[in-house]
Amino acid sequence: MTGSFTCQSPQYSVSKNKIRGMDFIEMKPISLNHAYRGRRFATKELKWFKSEVDRMLPDVILPSGKLSVKYEFGVSSKNSDGDNLIKCFQDCLAIKYKFNDNRIYEWYIKKVDVEKGFEYIAFRIGKST
């Protein structure tokens, strides 16, 4: 499934494609630092992010049992912590594909430096070995 979408936020350009066998979302990943105010109050940025990701994710049928995920985050800030980018996106996947993320037993994470405006998220979900 390929296509291109533009959102209302000037910070983000959103499209979806495939890259290296992974689903690809041309979107700046959101970190936990930007997702919550205080202990558990979701920010407007997180609500927008979840809405856009849900709209863009392709329809996928997940395998049963233990899962493996591969994430690639294209970030324009070298200060981004790769592990800090996982939770918000992984929660979006769990909601969209109706699974409990405690089924994930393997994580493969890659952070790629990109120029501002070219941020993206690529991912693949499969059966854990």
C-alpha atoms as a PDB file:
ATOM      1  CA  MET A   1       0.000   0.000   0.000  1.00  0.00           C
ATOM      2  CA  THR A   2       1.521   3.296  -1.004  1.00  0.00           C
ATOM      3  CA  GLY A   3       0.285   6.823  -0.961  1.00  0.00           C
ATOM      4  CA  SER A   4       1.019  10.308   0.224  1.00  0.00           C
ATOM      5  CA  PHE A   5      -0.779  12.407   2.810  1.00  0.00           C
ATOM      6  CA  THR A   6      -0.210  15.867   4.236  1.00  0.00           C
ATOM      7  CA  CYS A   7      -1.333  16.874   7.713  1.00  0.00           C
ATOM      8  CA  GLN A   8      -2.293  20.252   9.147  1.00  0.00           C
ATOM      9  CA  SER A   9       0.705  20.546  11.502  1.00  0.00           C
ATOM     10  CA  PRO A  10       3.577  22.607  10.036  1.00  0.00           C
ATOM     11  CA  GLN A  11       6.063  20.394  11.927  1.00  0.00           C
ATOM     12  CA  TYR A  12       5.080  17.195  10.170  1.00  0.00           C
ATOM     13  CA  SER A  13       4.835  15.849   6.670  1.00  0.00           C
ATOM     14  CA  VAL A  14       3.098  12.487   6.563  1.00  0.00           C
ATOM     15  CA  SER A  15       3.112   9.779   3.920  1.00  0.00           C
ATOM     16  CA  LYS A  16       3.265   5.979   3.869  1.00  0.00           C
ATOM     17  CA  ASN A  17       5.301   3.564   1.766  1.00  0.00           C
ATOM     18  CA  LYS A  18       7.611   0.537   2.034  1.00  0.00           C
ATOM     19  CA  ILE A  19      11.358   0.601   2.714  1.00  0.00           C
ATOM     20  CA  ARG A  20      13.667  -2.406   2.930  1.00  0.00           C
ATOM     21  CA  GLY A  21      10.684  -4.741   3.429  1.00  0.00           C
ATOM     22  CA  MET A  22       9.297  -2.684   6.302  1.00  0.00           C
ATOM     23  CA  ASP A  23       6.198  -0.504   6.402  1.00  0.00           C
ATOM     24  CA  PHE A  24       7.325   3.114   6.240  1.00  0.00           C
ATOM     25  CA  ILE A  25       5.683   6.221   7.648  1.00  0.00           C
ATOM     26  CA  GLU A  26       7.228   9.561   6.726  1.00  0.00           C
ATOM     27  CA  MET A  27       6.547  11.144  10.084  1.00  0.00           C
ATOM     28  CA  LYS A  28       8.594  12.546  12.932  1.00  0.00           C
ATOM     29  CA  PRO A  29       8.591  10.022  15.803  1.00  0.00           C
ATOM     30  CA  ILE A  30       7.270  11.379  19.092  1.00  0.00           C
ATOM     31  CA  SER A  31       9.294  10.825  22.255  1.00  0.00           C
ATOM     32  CA  LEU A  32       7.889  10.163  25.701  1.00  0.00           C
ATOM     33  CA  ASN A  33       9.130  13.608  26.714  1.00  0.00           C
ATOM     34  CA  HIS A  34       6.619  15.159  24.287  1.00  0.00           C
ATOM     35  CA  ALA A  35       3.856  12.616  24.901  1.00  0.00           C
ATOM     36  CA  TYR A  36       2.886  13.260  28.508  1.00  0.00           C
ATOM     37  CA  ARG A  37       2.533  16.187  30.896  1.00  0.00           C
ATOM     38  CA  GLY A  38       3.182  15.253  34.481  1.00  0.00           C
ATOM     39  CA  ARG A  39       2.585  11.635  35.326  1.00  0.00           C
ATOM     40  CA  ARG A  40      -0.090  10.414  32.935  1.00  0.00           C
ATOM     41  CA  PHE A  41      -1.681  13.272  31.031  1.00  0.00           C
ATOM     42  CA  ALA A  42      -1.407  12.850  27.268  1.00  0.00           C
ATOM     43  CA  THR A  43      -0.405  15.973  25.356  1.00  0.00           C
ATOM     44  CA  LYS A  44      -2.213  17.305  22.277  1.00  0.00           C
ATOM     45  CA  GLU A  45       0.872  16.257  20.312  1.00  0.00           C
ATOM     46  CA  LEU A  46       0.450  12.626  21.419  1.00  0.00           C
ATOM     47  CA  LYS A  47      -3.264  12.640  20.595  1.00  0.00           C
ATOM     48  CA  TRP A  48      -2.534  14.015  17.118  1.00  0.00           C
ATOM     49  CA  PHE A  49       0.315  11.502  16.616  1.00  0.00           C
ATOM     50  CA  LYS A  50      -1.886   8.522  17.568  1.00  0.00           C
ATOM     51  CA  SER A  51      -4.673   9.699  15.273  1.00  0.00           C
ATOM     52  CA  GLU A  52      -2.354  10.169  12.289  1.00  0.00           C
ATOM     53  CA  VAL A  53      -0.488   6.895  12.819  1.00  0.00           C
ATOM     54  CA  ASP A  54      -3.759   4.965  13.145  1.00  0.00           C
ATOM     55  CA  ARG A  55      -4.992   6.472   9.877  1.00  0.00           C
ATOM     56  CA  MET A  56      -1.769   5.632   8.052  1.00  0.00           C
ATOM     57  CA  LEU A  57      -0.999   2.119   9.254  1.00  0.00           C
ATOM     58  CA  PRO A  58      -1.670  -0.588   6.671  1.00  0.00           C
ATOM     59  CA  ASP A  59      -4.076  -3.437   7.410  1.00  0.00           C
ATOM     60  CA  VAL A  60      -2.035  -6.363   8.717  1.00  0.00           C
ATOM     61  CA  ILE A  61      -2.896  -9.777  10.136  1.00  0.00           C
ATOM     62  CA  LEU A  62      -0.456 -10.612  12.920  1.00  0.00           C
ATOM     63  CA  PRO A  63       0.796 -14.120  13.599  1.00  0.00           C
ATOM     64  CA  SER A  64      -0.354 -15.789  16.793  1.00  0.00           C
ATOM     65  CA  GLY A  65       1.952 -16.253  19.762  1.00  0.00           C
ATOM     66  CA  LYS A  66       5.150 -14.399  20.523  1.00  0.00           C
ATOM     67  CA  LEU A  67       6.054 -11.467  18.285  1.00  0.00           C
ATOM     68  CA  SER A  68       9.215  -9.835  17.004  1.00  0.00           C
ATOM     69  CA  VAL A  69       9.344  -6.173  15.964  1.00  0.00           C
ATOM     70  CA  LYS A  70      11.840  -4.207  13.936  1.00  0.00           C
ATOM     71  CA  TYR A  71      11.797  -0.434  14.204  1.00  0.00           C
ATOM     72  CA  GLU A  72      13.815   2.111  12.272  1.00  0.00           C
ATOM     73  CA  PHE A  73      13.466   5.738  13.369  1.00  0.00           C
ATOM     74  CA  GLY A  74      14.737   8.483  11.077  1.00  0.00           C
ATOM     75  CA  VAL A  75      15.397  11.425  13.407  1.00  0.00           C
ATOM     76  CA  SER A  76      16.781  14.901  12.806  1.00  0.00           C
ATOM     77  CA  SER A  77      18.003  15.350  16.386  1.00  0.00           C
ATOM     78  CA  LYS A  78      21.128  13.441  17.366  1.00  0.00           C
ATOM     79  CA  ASN A  79      19.916  13.844  20.970  1.00  0.00           C
ATOM     80  CA  SER A  80      16.933  11.534  20.377  1.00  0.00           C
ATOM     81  CA  ASP A  81      17.073   8.385  22.473  1.00  0.00           C
ATOM     82  CA  GLY A  82      16.062   5.401  20.338  1.00  0.00           C
ATOM     83  CA  ASP A  83      14.388   3.630  23.233  1.00  0.00           C
ATOM     84  CA  ASN A  84      12.425   6.770  24.062  1.00  0.00           C
ATOM     85  CA  LEU A  85      10.801   6.680  20.603  1.00  0.00           C
ATOM     86  CA  ILE A  86       9.484   3.118  20.881  1.00  0.00           C
ATOM     87  CA  LYS A  87       6.670   3.334  23.440  1.00  0.00           C
ATOM     88  CA  CYS A  88       4.330   5.817  21.746  1.00  0.00           C
ATOM     89  CA  PHE A  89       4.633   4.133  18.364  1.00  0.00           C
ATOM     90  CA  GLN A  90       4.360   0.627  19.816  1.00  0.00           C
ATOM     91  CA  ASP A  91       1.180   1.650  21.658  1.00  0.00           C
ATOM     92  CA  CYS A  92      -0.249   2.809  18.319  1.00  0.00           C
ATOM     93  CA  LEU A  93       0.525  -0.581  16.782  1.00  0.00           C
ATOM     94  CA  ALA A  94      -1.082  -2.426  19.706  1.00  0.00           C
ATOM     95  CA  ILE A  95      -4.268  -0.357  19.401  1.00  0.00           C
ATOM     96  CA  LYS A  96      -4.506  -0.607  15.600  1.00  0.00           C
ATOM     97  CA  TYR A  97      -3.772  -4.337  15.413  1.00  0.00           C
ATOM     98  CA  LYS A  98      -5.618  -5.221  18.643  1.00  0.00           C
ATOM     99  CA  PHE A  99      -2.838  -7.061  20.472  1.00  0.00           C
ATOM    100  CA  ASN A 100      -1.242  -6.772  23.897  1.00  0.00           C
ATOM    101  CA  ASP A 101       2.344  -5.584  23.512  1.00  0.00           C
ATOM    102  CA  ASN A 102       3.415  -8.060  26.202  1.00  0.00           C
ATOM    103  CA  ARG A 103       3.427 -10.543  23.270  1.00  0.00           C
ATOM    104  CA  ILE A 104       6.575  -8.838  21.926  1.00  0.00           C
ATOM    105  CA  TYR A 105       9.644 -10.883  22.853  1.00  0.00           C
ATOM    106  CA  GLU A 106      12.180  -9.466  20.404  1.00  0.00           C
ATOM    107  CA  TRP A 107      12.986  -5.866  19.494  1.00  0.00           C
ATOM    108  CA  TYR A 108      15.361  -4.689  16.794  1.00  0.00           C
ATOM    109  CA  ILE A 109      15.868  -0.938  16.838  1.00  0.00           C
ATOM    110  CA  LYS A 110      17.830   1.311  14.524  1.00  0.00           C
ATOM    111  CA  LYS A 111      18.200   5.092  14.690  1.00  0.00           C
ATOM    112  CA  VAL A 112      19.107   6.907  11.483  1.00  0.00           C
ATOM    113  CA  ASP A 113      20.235  10.543  11.299  1.00  0.00           C
ATOM    114  CA  VAL A 114      18.222  12.505   8.722  1.00  0.00           C
ATOM    115  CA  GLU A 115      17.797  16.164   7.866  1.00  0.00           C
ATOM    116  CA  LYS A 116      14.994  18.094   9.558  1.00  0.00           C
ATOM    117  CA  GLY A 117      11.770  17.583   7.637  1.00  0.00           C
ATOM    118  CA  PHE A 118      12.735  14.064   6.490  1.00  0.00           C
ATOM    119  CA  GLU A 119      11.899  12.182   9.717  1.00  0.00           C
ATOM    120  CA  TYR A 120      10.237   8.771   9.392  1.00  0.00           C
ATOM    121  CA  ILE A 121       9.292   5.526  11.112  1.00  0.00           C
ATOM    122  CA  ALA A 122       9.748   2.120   9.464  1.00  0.00           C
ATOM    123  CA  PHE A 123       8.609  -1.094  11.087  1.00  0.00           C
ATOM    124  CA  ARG A 124       7.950  -4.794  10.637  1.00  0.00           C
ATOM    125  CA  ILE A 125       6.050  -7.161  12.944  1.00  0.00           C
ATOM    126  CA  GLY A 126       6.561 -10.906  12.691  1.00  0.00           C
ATOM    127  CA  LYS A 127       6.661 -14.148  14.602  1.00  0.00           C
ATOM    128  CA  SER A 128       9.354 -14.401  17.276  1.00  0.00           C
ATOM    129  CA  THR A 129      11.930 -17.135  16.752  1.00  0.00           C
END
